[in-house]
Amino acid sequence: METNRLKLLPPSMEHQPLMLEAILESQDELAVYLPWVPNALTEAESIENTQQAINNFENFEGELRYSIIEKSTKRFLGAIGLIIRDKTIPYFEIGYWMRSSSVGNGFISEA
């Protein structure tokens, strides 16, 4: 999926190092709201998390997370996704996070 400024891409190992960089940059701000942050700060944890996200996407379960990439710079900005709460209703929750240095530019609203 694309907007004027952004690409929303399914999870991939290609973006894993960029995601880890964004989480490390933003860990103090993200940890206030997102309980998973302390468990996502090493390369091994990030690889495991990315593989789980890929599996979730392939099996349509858990969370369907997209990487938010700025088209002009190819910079990893954050993630947005649907958290599957109940497929039978269907009931989904939207979750997102943005790297600290990119907050305030309307990227989440655009995503």
PDB file of N, CA and C in Angstrom:
ATOM      1  N   MET A   1       0.850  -1.171   0.000  1.00  0.00           N
ATOM      2  CA  MET A   1       0.000   0.000   0.000  1.00  0.00           C
ATOM      3  C   MET A   1       0.895   1.234   0.000  1.00  0.00           C
ATOM      4  N   GLU A   2       0.408   2.291  -0.630  1.00  0.00           N
ATOM      5  CA  GLU A   2       1.190   3.516  -0.716  1.00  0.00           C
ATOM      6  C   GLU A   2       0.308   4.739  -0.546  1.00  0.00           C
ATOM      7  N   THR A   3       0.923   5.782  -0.009  1.00  0.00           N
ATOM      8  CA  THR A   3       0.328   7.114   0.001  1.00  0.00           C
ATOM      9  C   THR A   3       1.313   8.019  -0.730  1.00  0.00           C
ATOM     10  N   ASN A   4       1.084   9.317  -0.690  1.00  0.00           N
ATOM     11  CA  ASN A   4       2.023  10.222  -1.345  1.00  0.00           C
ATOM     12  C   ASN A   4       3.427  10.130  -0.759  1.00  0.00           C
ATOM     13  N   ARG A   5       3.510   9.991   0.570  1.00  0.00           N
ATOM     14  CA  ARG A   5       4.823  10.004   1.227  1.00  0.00           C
ATOM     15  C   ARG A   5       5.287   8.649   1.745  1.00  0.00           C
ATOM     16  N   LEU A   6       4.378   7.691   1.861  1.00  0.00           N
ATOM     17  CA  LEU A   6       4.685   6.463   2.582  1.00  0.00           C
ATOM     18  C   LEU A   6       4.434   5.203   1.778  1.00  0.00           C
ATOM     19  N   LYS A   7       5.171   4.156   2.145  1.00  0.00           N
ATOM     20  CA  LYS A   7       4.874   2.792   1.727  1.00  0.00           C
ATOM     21  C   LYS A   7       4.581   2.006   2.992  1.00  0.00           C
ATOM     22  N   LEU A   8       3.530   1.202   2.967  1.00  0.00           N
ATOM     23  CA  LEU A   8       3.214   0.287   4.050  1.00  0.00           C
ATOM     24  C   LEU A   8       3.526  -1.109   3.533  1.00  0.00           C
ATOM     25  N   LEU A   9       4.528  -1.737   4.127  1.00  0.00           N
ATOM     26  CA  LEU A   9       5.016  -3.015   3.630  1.00  0.00           C
ATOM     27  C   LEU A   9       4.846  -4.102   4.677  1.00  0.00           C
ATOM     28  N   PRO A  10       4.506  -5.317   4.250  1.00  0.00           N
ATOM     29  CA  PRO A  10       4.415  -6.436   5.195  1.00  0.00           C
ATOM     30  C   PRO A  10       5.763  -6.651   5.881  1.00  0.00           C
ATOM     31  N   PRO A  11       5.756  -7.310   7.029  1.00  0.00           N
ATOM     32  CA  PRO A  11       7.016  -7.531   7.742  1.00  0.00           C
ATOM     33  C   PRO A  11       7.985  -8.360   6.901  1.00  0.00           C
ATOM     34  N   SER A  12       9.266  -8.028   7.016  1.00  0.00           N
ATOM     35  CA  SER A  12      10.298  -8.772   6.297  1.00  0.00           C
ATOM     36  C   SER A  12      11.613  -8.684   7.069  1.00  0.00           C
ATOM     37  N   MET A  13      12.443  -9.677   6.888  1.00  0.00           N
ATOM     38  CA  MET A  13      13.755  -9.661   7.530  1.00  0.00           C
ATOM     39  C   MET A  13      14.620  -8.521   6.988  1.00  0.00           C
ATOM     40  N   GLU A  14      14.337  -8.073   5.783  1.00  0.00           N
ATOM     41  CA  GLU A  14      15.079  -6.951   5.200  1.00  0.00           C
ATOM     42  C   GLU A  14      14.943  -5.695   6.051  1.00  0.00           C
ATOM     43  N   HIS A  15      13.766  -5.487   6.627  1.00  0.00           N
ATOM     44  CA  HIS A  15      13.527  -4.283   7.422  1.00  0.00           C
ATOM     45  C   HIS A  15      13.841  -4.452   8.907  1.00  0.00           C
ATOM     46  N   GLN A  16      14.164  -5.671   9.342  1.00  0.00           N
ATOM     47  CA  GLN A  16      14.410  -5.933  10.759  1.00  0.00           C
ATOM     48  C   GLN A  16      15.491  -5.035  11.347  1.00  0.00           C
ATOM     49  N   PRO A  17      16.675  -4.868  10.714  1.00  0.00           N
ATOM     50  CA  PRO A  17      17.685  -3.991  11.320  1.00  0.00           C
ATOM     51  C   PRO A  17      17.231  -2.534  11.411  1.00  0.00           C
ATOM     52  N   LEU A  18      16.450  -2.100  10.433  1.00  0.00           N
ATOM     53  CA  LEU A  18      15.951  -0.721  10.431  1.00  0.00           C
ATOM     54  C   LEU A  18      14.917  -0.528  11.532  1.00  0.00           C
ATOM     55  N   MET A  19      14.085  -1.550  11.761  1.00  0.00           N
ATOM     56  CA  MET A  19      13.101  -1.491  12.832  1.00  0.00           C
ATOM     57  C   MET A  19      13.805  -1.439  14.187  1.00  0.00           C
ATOM     58  N   LEU A  20      14.816  -2.272  14.372  1.00  0.00           N
ATOM     59  CA  LEU A  20      15.551  -2.279  15.632  1.00  0.00           C
ATOM     60  C   LEU A  20      16.193  -0.916  15.880  1.00  0.00           C
ATOM     61  N   GLU A  21      16.758  -0.318  14.858  1.00  0.00           N
ATOM     62  CA  GLU A  21      17.349   1.018  14.977  1.00  0.00           C
ATOM     63  C   GLU A  21      16.308   2.034  15.463  1.00  0.00           C
ATOM     64  N   ALA A  22      15.109   1.984  14.887  1.00  0.00           N
ATOM     65  CA  ALA A  22      14.036   2.915  15.264  1.00  0.00           C
ATOM     66  C   ALA A  22      13.572   2.663  16.699  1.00  0.00           C
ATOM     67  N   ILE A  23      13.477   1.406  17.108  1.00  0.00           N
ATOM     68  CA  ILE A  23      13.059   1.087  18.480  1.00  0.00           C
ATOM     69  C   ILE A  23      14.113   1.561  19.467  1.00  0.00           C
ATOM     70  N   LEU A  24      15.377   1.311  19.169  1.00  0.00           N
ATOM     71  CA  LEU A  24      16.441   1.755  20.072  1.00  0.00           C
ATOM     72  C   LEU A  24      16.463   3.276  20.200  1.00  0.00           C
ATOM     73  N   GLU A  25      16.266   3.971  19.088  1.00  0.00           N
ATOM     74  CA  GLU A  25      16.215   5.445  19.116  1.00  0.00           C
ATOM     75  C   GLU A  25      15.085   5.934  20.007  1.00  0.00           C
ATOM     76  N   SER A  26      13.992   5.224  20.024  1.00  0.00           N
ATOM     77  CA  SER A  26      12.746   5.704  20.625  1.00  0.00           C
ATOM     78  C   SER A  26      12.342   4.948  21.885  1.00  0.00           C
ATOM     79  N   GLN A  27      13.205   4.093  22.414  1.00  0.00           N
ATOM     80  CA  GLN A  27      12.806   3.198  23.490  1.00  0.00           C
ATOM     81  C   GLN A  27      12.248   3.900  24.714  1.00  0.00           C
ATOM     82  N   ASP A  28      12.787   5.027  25.111  1.00  0.00           N
ATOM     83  CA  ASP A  28      12.277   5.713  26.306  1.00  0.00           C
ATOM     84  C   ASP A  28      10.839   6.167  26.113  1.00  0.00           C
ATOM     85  N   GLU A  29      10.528   6.724  24.963  1.00  0.00           N
ATOM     86  CA  GLU A  29       9.172   7.183  24.692  1.00  0.00           C
ATOM     87  C   GLU A  29       8.213   6.008  24.473  1.00  0.00           C
ATOM     88  N   LEU A  30       8.650   5.010  23.723  1.00  0.00           N
ATOM     89  CA  LEU A  30       7.780   3.873  23.413  1.00  0.00           C
ATOM     90  C   LEU A  30       7.468   3.027  24.647  1.00  0.00           C
ATOM     91  N   ALA A  31       8.440   2.863  25.527  1.00  0.00           N
ATOM     92  CA  ALA A  31       8.265   1.991  26.695  1.00  0.00           C
ATOM     93  C   ALA A  31       7.169   2.483  27.636  1.00  0.00           C
ATOM     94  N   VAL A  32       6.854   3.760  27.591  1.00  0.00           N
ATOM     95  CA  VAL A  32       5.786   4.309  28.433  1.00  0.00           C
ATOM     96  C   VAL A  32       4.441   3.691  28.066  1.00  0.00           C
ATOM     97  N   TYR A  33       4.228   3.395  26.786  1.00  0.00           N
ATOM     98  CA  TYR A  33       2.928   2.940  26.289  1.00  0.00           C
ATOM     99  C   TYR A  33       2.907   1.490  25.806  1.00  0.00           C
ATOM    100  N   LEU A  34       4.062   0.951  25.456  1.00  0.00           N
ATOM    101  CA  LEU A  34       4.109  -0.364  24.813  1.00  0.00           C
ATOM    102  C   LEU A  34       4.904  -1.354  25.662  1.00  0.00           C
ATOM    103  N   PRO A  35       4.224  -2.309  26.265  1.00  0.00           N
ATOM    104  CA  PRO A  35       4.902  -3.225  27.186  1.00  0.00           C
ATOM    105  C   PRO A  35       5.927  -4.153  26.539  1.00  0.00           C
ATOM    106  N   TRP A  36       5.912  -4.302  25.237  1.00  0.00           N
ATOM    107  CA  TRP A  36       6.853  -5.195  24.556  1.00  0.00           C
ATOM    108  C   TRP A  36       8.233  -4.591  24.363  1.00  0.00           C
ATOM    109  N   VAL A  37       8.376  -3.285  24.523  1.00  0.00           N
ATOM    110  CA  VAL A  37       9.636  -2.609  24.199  1.00  0.00           C
ATOM    111  C   VAL A  37      10.844  -3.190  24.944  1.00  0.00           C
ATOM    112  N   PRO A  38      10.782  -3.425  26.259  1.00  0.00           N
ATOM    113  CA  PRO A  38      11.968  -3.970  26.932  1.00  0.00           C
ATOM    114  C   PRO A  38      12.409  -5.338  26.398  1.00  0.00           C
ATOM    115  N   ASN A  39      11.500  -6.047  25.737  1.00  0.00           N
ATOM    116  CA  ASN A  39      11.815  -7.363  25.181  1.00  0.00           C
ATOM    117  C   ASN A  39      12.147  -7.304  23.691  1.00  0.00           C
ATOM    118  N   ALA A  40      12.441  -6.117  23.178  1.00  0.00           N
ATOM    119  CA  ALA A  40      12.699  -5.962  21.744  1.00  0.00           C
ATOM    120  C   ALA A  40      13.957  -5.138  21.480  1.00  0.00           C
ATOM    121  N   LEU A  41      14.909  -5.177  22.414  1.00  0.00           N
ATOM    122  CA  LEU A  41      16.051  -4.272  22.315  1.00  0.00           C
ATOM    123  C   LEU A  41      17.354  -4.927  21.860  1.00  0.00           C
ATOM    124  N   THR A  42      17.313  -6.212  21.594  1.00  0.00           N
ATOM    125  CA  THR A  42      18.517  -6.875  21.092  1.00  0.00           C
ATOM    126  C   THR A  42      18.262  -7.375  19.674  1.00  0.00           C
ATOM    127  N   GLU A  43      19.341  -7.662  18.977  1.00  0.00           N
ATOM    128  CA  GLU A  43      19.195  -8.169  17.615  1.00  0.00           C
ATOM    129  C   GLU A  43      18.460  -9.509  17.602  1.00  0.00           C
ATOM    130  N   ALA A  44      18.793 -10.397  18.540  1.00  0.00           N
ATOM    131  CA  ALA A  44      18.141 -11.711  18.588  1.00  0.00           C
ATOM    132  C   ALA A  44      16.646 -11.566  18.841  1.00  0.00           C
ATOM    133  N   GLU A  45      16.258 -10.686  19.772  1.00  0.00           N
ATOM    134  CA  GLU A  45      14.833 -10.473  20.058  1.00  0.00           C
ATOM    135  C   GLU A  45      14.128  -9.863  18.860  1.00  0.00           C
ATOM    136  N   SER A  46      14.793  -8.937  18.186  1.00  0.00           N
ATOM    137  CA  SER A  46      14.211  -8.295  17.014  1.00  0.00           C
ATOM    138  C   SER A  46      14.011  -9.291  15.873  1.00  0.00           C
ATOM    139  N   ILE A  47      14.971 -10.170  15.670  1.00  0.00           N
ATOM    140  CA  ILE A  47      14.847 -11.196  14.628  1.00  0.00           C
ATOM    141  C   ILE A  47      13.690 -12.122  14.959  1.00  0.00           C
ATOM    142  N   GLU A  48      13.601 -12.555  16.213  1.00  0.00           N
ATOM    143  CA  GLU A  48      12.511 -13.438  16.633  1.00  0.00           C
ATOM    144  C   GLU A  48      11.162 -12.755  16.455  1.00  0.00           C
ATOM    145  N   ASN A  49      11.083 -11.484  16.846  1.00  0.00           N
ATOM    146  CA  ASN A  49       9.838 -10.726  16.721  1.00  0.00           C
ATOM    147  C   ASN A  49       9.441 -10.568  15.255  1.00  0.00           C
ATOM    148  N   THR A  50      10.406 -10.297  14.404  1.00  0.00           N
ATOM    149  CA  THR A  50      10.126 -10.134  12.978  1.00  0.00           C
ATOM    150  C   THR A  50       9.655 -11.449  12.368  1.00  0.00           C
ATOM    151  N   GLN A  51      10.282 -12.547  12.749  1.00  0.00           N
ATOM    152  CA  GLN A  51       9.852 -13.836  12.224  1.00  0.00           C
ATOM    153  C   GLN A  51       8.422 -14.151  12.661  1.00  0.00           C
ATOM    154  N   GLN A  52       8.092 -13.811  13.919  1.00  0.00           N
ATOM    155  CA  GLN A  52       6.726 -14.014  14.394  1.00  0.00           C
ATOM    156  C   GLN A  52       5.748 -13.152  13.595  1.00  0.00           C
ATOM    157  N   ALA A  53       6.134 -11.910  13.308  1.00  0.00           N
ATOM    158  CA  ALA A  53       5.273 -11.023  12.525  1.00  0.00           C
ATOM    159  C   ALA A  53       5.054 -11.578  11.118  1.00  0.00           C
ATOM    160  N   ILE A  54       6.097 -12.137  10.515  1.00  0.00           N
ATOM    161  CA  ILE A  54       5.968 -12.749   9.191  1.00  0.00           C
ATOM    162  C   ILE A  54       5.010 -13.938   9.262  1.00  0.00           C
ATOM    163  N   ASN A  55       5.180 -14.781  10.269  1.00  0.00           N
ATOM    164  CA  ASN A  55       4.291 -15.941  10.443  1.00  0.00           C
ATOM    165  C   ASN A  55       2.850 -15.501  10.659  1.00  0.00           C
ATOM    166  N   ASN A  56       2.638 -14.489  11.492  1.00  0.00           N
ATOM    167  CA  ASN A  56       1.284 -13.975  11.728  1.00  0.00           C
ATOM    168  C   ASN A  56       0.654 -13.508  10.421  1.00  0.00           C
ATOM    169  N   PHE A  57       1.422 -12.802   9.624  1.00  0.00           N
ATOM    170  CA  PHE A  57       0.922 -12.269   8.361  1.00  0.00           C
ATOM    171  C   PHE A  57       0.535 -13.410   7.422  1.00  0.00           C
ATOM    172  N   GLU A  58       1.404 -14.412   7.325  1.00  0.00           N
ATOM    173  CA  GLU A  58       1.145 -15.550   6.434  1.00  0.00           C
ATOM    174  C   GLU A  58      -0.069 -16.370   6.875  1.00  0.00           C
ATOM    175  N   ASN A  59      -0.312 -16.426   8.199  1.00  0.00           N
ATOM    176  CA  ASN A  59      -1.402 -17.247   8.743  1.00  0.00           C
ATOM    177  C   ASN A  59      -2.633 -16.449   9.165  1.00  0.00           C
ATOM    178  N   PHE A  60      -2.618 -15.145   8.930  1.00  0.00           N
ATOM    179  CA  PHE A  60      -3.724 -14.261   9.298  1.00  0.00           C
ATOM    180  C   PHE A  60      -4.141 -14.491  10.759  1.00  0.00           C
ATOM    181  N   GLU A  61      -3.154 -14.272  11.667  1.00  0.00           N
ATOM    182  CA  GLU A  61      -3.414 -14.433  13.091  1.00  0.00           C
ATOM    183  C   GLU A  61      -2.577 -13.441  13.887  1.00  0.00           C
ATOM    184  N   GLY A  62      -2.979 -13.220  15.124  1.00  0.00           N
ATOM    185  CA  GLY A  62      -2.218 -12.340  16.000  1.00  0.00           C
ATOM    186  C   GLY A  62      -2.315 -10.892  15.576  1.00  0.00           C
ATOM    187  N   GLU A  63      -1.220 -10.379  15.049  1.00  0.00           N
ATOM    188  CA  GLU A  63      -1.155  -8.990  14.596  1.00  0.00           C
ATOM    189  C   GLU A  63      -0.667  -8.963  13.159  1.00  0.00           C
ATOM    190  N   LEU A  64      -1.363  -8.203  12.325  1.00  0.00           N
ATOM    191  CA  LEU A  64      -0.950  -8.010  10.932  1.00  0.00           C
ATOM    192  C   LEU A  64      -0.255  -6.662  10.850  1.00  0.00           C
ATOM    193  N   ARG A  65       1.057  -6.692  10.999  1.00  0.00           N
ATOM    194  CA  ARG A  65       1.847  -5.467  11.125  1.00  0.00           C
ATOM    195  C   ARG A  65       2.467  -5.075   9.798  1.00  0.00           C
ATOM    196  N   TYR A  66       2.410  -3.799   9.505  1.00  0.00           N
ATOM    197  CA  TYR A  66       3.053  -3.226   8.328  1.00  0.00           C
ATOM    198  C   TYR A  66       4.160  -2.275   8.765  1.00  0.00           C
ATOM    199  N   SER A  67       5.274  -2.309   8.055  1.00  0.00           N
ATOM    200  CA  SER A  67       6.348  -1.340   8.263  1.00  0.00           C
ATOM    201  C   SER A  67       5.964  -0.049   7.556  1.00  0.00           C
ATOM    202  N   ILE A  68       6.204   1.070   8.210  1.00  0.00           N
ATOM    203  CA  ILE A  68       5.953   2.382   7.611  1.00  0.00           C
ATOM    204  C   ILE A  68       7.295   2.912   7.114  1.00  0.00           C
ATOM    205  N   ILE A  69       7.411   3.042   5.804  1.00  0.00           N
ATOM    206  CA  ILE A  69       8.651   3.480   5.163  1.00  0.00           C
ATOM    207  C   ILE A  69       8.398   4.804   4.449  1.00  0.00           C
ATOM    208  N   GLU A  70       9.252   5.791   4.705  1.00  0.00           N
ATOM    209  CA  GLU A  70       9.154   7.061   3.992  1.00  0.00           C
ATOM    210  C   GLU A  70       9.712   6.867   2.577  1.00  0.00           C
ATOM    211  N   LYS A  71       8.905   7.156   1.574  1.00  0.00           N
ATOM    212  CA  LYS A  71       9.279   6.886   0.187  1.00  0.00           C
ATOM    213  C   LYS A  71      10.510   7.684  -0.255  1.00  0.00           C
ATOM    214  N   SER A  72      10.585   8.950   0.107  1.00  0.00           N
ATOM    215  CA  SER A  72      11.666   9.788  -0.410  1.00  0.00           C
ATOM    216  C   SER A  72      13.029   9.422   0.164  1.00  0.00           C
ATOM    217  N   THR A  73      13.069   8.919   1.397  1.00  0.00           N
ATOM    218  CA  THR A  73      14.348   8.606   2.049  1.00  0.00           C
ATOM    219  C   THR A  73      14.565   7.108   2.266  1.00  0.00           C
ATOM    220  N   LYS A  74      13.502   6.308   2.105  1.00  0.00           N
ATOM    221  CA  LYS A  74      13.507   4.873   2.409  1.00  0.00           C
ATOM    222  C   LYS A  74      13.770   4.602   3.891  1.00  0.00           C
ATOM    223  N   ARG A  75      13.520   5.594   4.718  1.00  0.00           N
ATOM    224  CA  ARG A  75      13.736   5.479   6.164  1.00  0.00           C
ATOM    225  C   ARG A  75      12.583   4.732   6.825  1.00  0.00           C
ATOM    226  N   PHE A  76      12.929   3.828   7.747  1.00  0.00           N
ATOM    227  CA  PHE A  76      11.925   3.103   8.524  1.00  0.00           C
ATOM    228  C   PHE A  76      11.403   4.054   9.594  1.00  0.00           C
ATOM    229  N   LEU A  77      10.099   4.366   9.544  1.00  0.00           N
ATOM    230  CA  LEU A  77       9.516   5.338  10.463  1.00  0.00           C
ATOM    231  C   LEU A  77       8.808   4.704  11.647  1.00  0.00           C
ATOM    232  N   GLY A  78       8.242   3.530  11.468  1.00  0.00           N
ATOM    233  CA  GLY A  78       7.490   2.895  12.542  1.00  0.00           C
ATOM    234  C   GLY A  78       6.687   1.734  11.994  1.00  0.00           C
ATOM    235  N   ALA A  79       5.639   1.388  12.725  1.00  0.00           N
ATOM    236  CA  ALA A  79       4.797   0.264  12.307  1.00  0.00           C
ATOM    237  C   ALA A  79       3.343   0.574  12.621  1.00  0.00           C
ATOM    238  N   ILE A  80       2.472  -0.020  11.817  1.00  0.00           N
ATOM    239  CA  ILE A  80       1.031   0.094  12.038  1.00  0.00           C
ATOM    240  C   ILE A  80       0.424  -1.265  11.687  1.00  0.00           C
ATOM    241  N   GLY A  81      -0.596  -1.648  12.410  1.00  0.00           N
ATOM    242  CA  GLY A  81      -1.166  -2.936  12.101  1.00  0.00           C
ATOM    243  C   GLY A  81      -2.523  -3.167  12.717  1.00  0.00           C
ATOM    244  N   LEU A  82      -3.123  -4.254  12.282  1.00  0.00           N
ATOM    245  CA  LEU A  82      -4.393  -4.703  12.841  1.00  0.00           C
ATOM    246  C   LEU A  82      -4.101  -5.840  13.804  1.00  0.00           C
ATOM    247  N   ILE A  83      -4.550  -5.683  15.027  1.00  0.00           N
ATOM    248  CA  ILE A  83      -4.431  -6.733  16.019  1.00  0.00           C
ATOM    249  C   ILE A  83      -5.745  -7.502  15.987  1.00  0.00           C
ATOM    250  N   ILE A  84      -5.659  -8.780  15.661  1.00  0.00           N
ATOM    251  CA  ILE A  84      -6.864  -9.602  15.520  1.00  0.00           C
ATOM    252  C   ILE A  84      -7.338 -10.003  16.910  1.00  0.00           C
ATOM    253  N   ARG A  85      -8.500  -9.523  17.289  1.00  0.00           N
ATOM    254  CA  ARG A  85      -9.069  -9.866  18.596  1.00  0.00           C
ATOM    255  C   ARG A  85     -10.071 -11.007  18.490  1.00  0.00           C
ATOM    256  N   ASP A  86     -10.892 -11.001  17.431  1.00  0.00           N
ATOM    257  CA  ASP A  86     -11.883 -12.059  17.252  1.00  0.00           C
ATOM    258  C   ASP A  86     -12.266 -12.114  15.777  1.00  0.00           C
ATOM    259  N   LYS A  87     -11.807 -13.142  15.072  1.00  0.00           N
ATOM    260  CA  LYS A  87     -12.093 -13.279  13.635  1.00  0.00           C
ATOM    261  C   LYS A  87     -13.567 -13.539  13.369  1.00  0.00           C
ATOM    262  N   THR A  88     -14.284 -14.101  14.326  1.00  0.00           N
ATOM    263  CA  THR A  88     -15.676 -14.478  14.080  1.00  0.00           C
ATOM    264  C   THR A  88     -16.605 -13.279  14.063  1.00  0.00           C
ATOM    265  N   ILE A  89     -16.223 -12.135  14.655  1.00  0.00           N
ATOM    266  CA  ILE A  89     -17.141 -10.986  14.717  1.00  0.00           C
ATOM    267  C   ILE A  89     -17.110 -10.165  13.428  1.00  0.00           C
ATOM    268  N   PRO A  90     -16.101  -9.771  12.764  1.00  0.00           N
ATOM    269  CA  PRO A  90     -14.684  -9.657  13.080  1.00  0.00           C
ATOM    270  C   PRO A  90     -14.423  -8.418  13.936  1.00  0.00           C
ATOM    271  N   TYR A  91     -13.426  -8.549  14.808  1.00  0.00           N
ATOM    272  CA  TYR A  91     -13.082  -7.493  15.751  1.00  0.00           C
ATOM    273  C   TYR A  91     -11.576  -7.303  15.710  1.00  0.00           C
ATOM    274  N   PHE A  92     -11.134  -6.135  15.283  1.00  0.00           N
ATOM    275  CA  PHE A  92      -9.721  -5.816  15.164  1.00  0.00           C
ATOM    276  C   PHE A  92      -9.437  -4.537  15.940  1.00  0.00           C
ATOM    277  N   GLU A  93      -8.207  -4.404  16.355  1.00  0.00           N
ATOM    278  CA  GLU A  93      -7.732  -3.185  17.013  1.00  0.00           C
ATOM    279  C   GLU A  93      -6.592  -2.639  16.164  1.00  0.00           C
ATOM    280  N   ILE A  94      -6.509  -1.332  16.008  1.00  0.00           N
ATOM    281  CA  ILE A  94      -5.393  -0.730  15.284  1.00  0.00           C
ATOM    282  C   ILE A  94      -4.312  -0.380  16.297  1.00  0.00           C
ATOM    283  N   GLY A  95      -3.115  -0.819  16.026  1.00  0.00           N
ATOM    284  CA  GLY A  95      -1.971  -0.475  16.854  1.00  0.00           C
ATOM    285  C   GLY A  95      -0.917   0.195  15.990  1.00  0.00           C
ATOM    286  N   TYR A  96      -0.124   1.058  16.591  1.00  0.00           N
ATOM    287  CA  TYR A  96       0.920   1.745  15.828  1.00  0.00           C
ATOM    288  C   TYR A  96       1.977   2.309  16.762  1.00  0.00           C
ATOM    289  N   TRP A  97       3.126   2.577  16.200  1.00  0.00           N
ATOM    290  CA  TRP A  97       4.164   3.337  16.877  1.00  0.00           C
ATOM    291  C   TRP A  97       5.008   4.048  15.832  1.00  0.00           C
ATOM    292  N   MET A  98       5.624   5.142  16.240  1.00  0.00           N
ATOM    293  CA  MET A  98       6.419   5.975  15.339  1.00  0.00           C
ATOM    294  C   MET A  98       7.744   6.288  16.027  1.00  0.00           C
ATOM    295  N   ARG A  99       8.833   6.247  15.274  1.00  0.00           N
ATOM    296  CA  ARG A  99      10.129   6.609  15.854  1.00  0.00           C
ATOM    297  C   ARG A  99      10.078   8.063  16.317  1.00  0.00           C
ATOM    298  N   SER A 100      10.743   8.344  17.408  1.00  0.00           N
ATOM    299  CA  SER A 100      10.646   9.653  18.068  1.00  0.00           C
ATOM    300  C   SER A 100      10.999  10.818  17.145  1.00  0.00           C
ATOM    301  N   SER A 101      12.023  10.646  16.319  1.00  0.00           N
ATOM    302  CA  SER A 101      12.459  11.754  15.460  1.00  0.00           C
ATOM    303  C   SER A 101      11.489  12.051  14.321  1.00  0.00           C
ATOM    304  N   SER A 102      10.449  11.229  14.136  1.00  0.00           N
ATOM    305  CA  SER A 102       9.492  11.451  13.052  1.00  0.00           C
ATOM    306  C   SER A 102       8.098  11.796  13.541  1.00  0.00           C
ATOM    307  N   VAL A 103       7.932  11.893  14.854  1.00  0.00           N
ATOM    308  CA  VAL A 103       6.630  12.231  15.433  1.00  0.00           C
ATOM    309  C   VAL A 103       6.266  13.671  15.082  1.00  0.00           C
ATOM    310  N   GLY A 104       4.979  13.920  14.857  1.00  0.00           N
ATOM    311  CA  GLY A 104       4.512  15.278  14.614  1.00  0.00           C
ATOM    312  C   GLY A 104       4.466  15.689  13.155  1.00  0.00           C
ATOM    313  N   ASN A 105       4.673  14.750  12.253  1.00  0.00           N
ATOM    314  CA  ASN A 105       4.655  15.061  10.822  1.00  0.00           C
ATOM    315  C   ASN A 105       3.443  14.501  10.100  1.00  0.00           C
ATOM    316  N   GLY A 106       2.481  13.948  10.860  1.00  0.00           N
ATOM    317  CA  GLY A 106       1.260  13.416  10.265  1.00  0.00           C
ATOM    318  C   GLY A 106       1.409  12.048   9.621  1.00  0.00           C
ATOM    319  N   PHE A 107       2.514  11.359   9.885  1.00  0.00           N
ATOM    320  CA  PHE A 107       2.729  10.061   9.253  1.00  0.00           C
ATOM    321  C   PHE A 107       1.734   9.010   9.705  1.00  0.00           C
ATOM    322  N   ILE A 108       1.416   8.975  11.005  1.00  0.00           N
ATOM    323  CA  ILE A 108       0.468   7.968  11.488  1.00  0.00           C
ATOM    324  C   ILE A 108      -0.921   8.215  10.900  1.00  0.00           C
ATOM    325  N   SER A 109      -1.354   9.450  10.873  1.00  0.00           N
ATOM    326  CA  SER A 109      -2.663   9.754  10.262  1.00  0.00           C
ATOM    327  C   SER A 109      -2.677   9.341   8.805  1.00  0.00           C
ATOM    328  N   GLU A 110      -1.580   9.567   8.113  1.00  0.00           N
ATOM    329  CA  GLU A 110      -1.484   9.198   6.701  1.00  0.00           C
ATOM    330  C   GLU A 110      -1.479   7.679   6.529  1.00  0.00           C
ATOM    331  N   ALA A 111      -0.760   7.001   7.422  1.00  0.00           N
ATOM    332  CA  ALA A 111      -0.709   5.520   7.342  1.00  0.00           C
ATOM    333  C   ALA A 111      -2.082   4.944   7.595  1.00  0.00           C
TER     334      ALA A 111
END
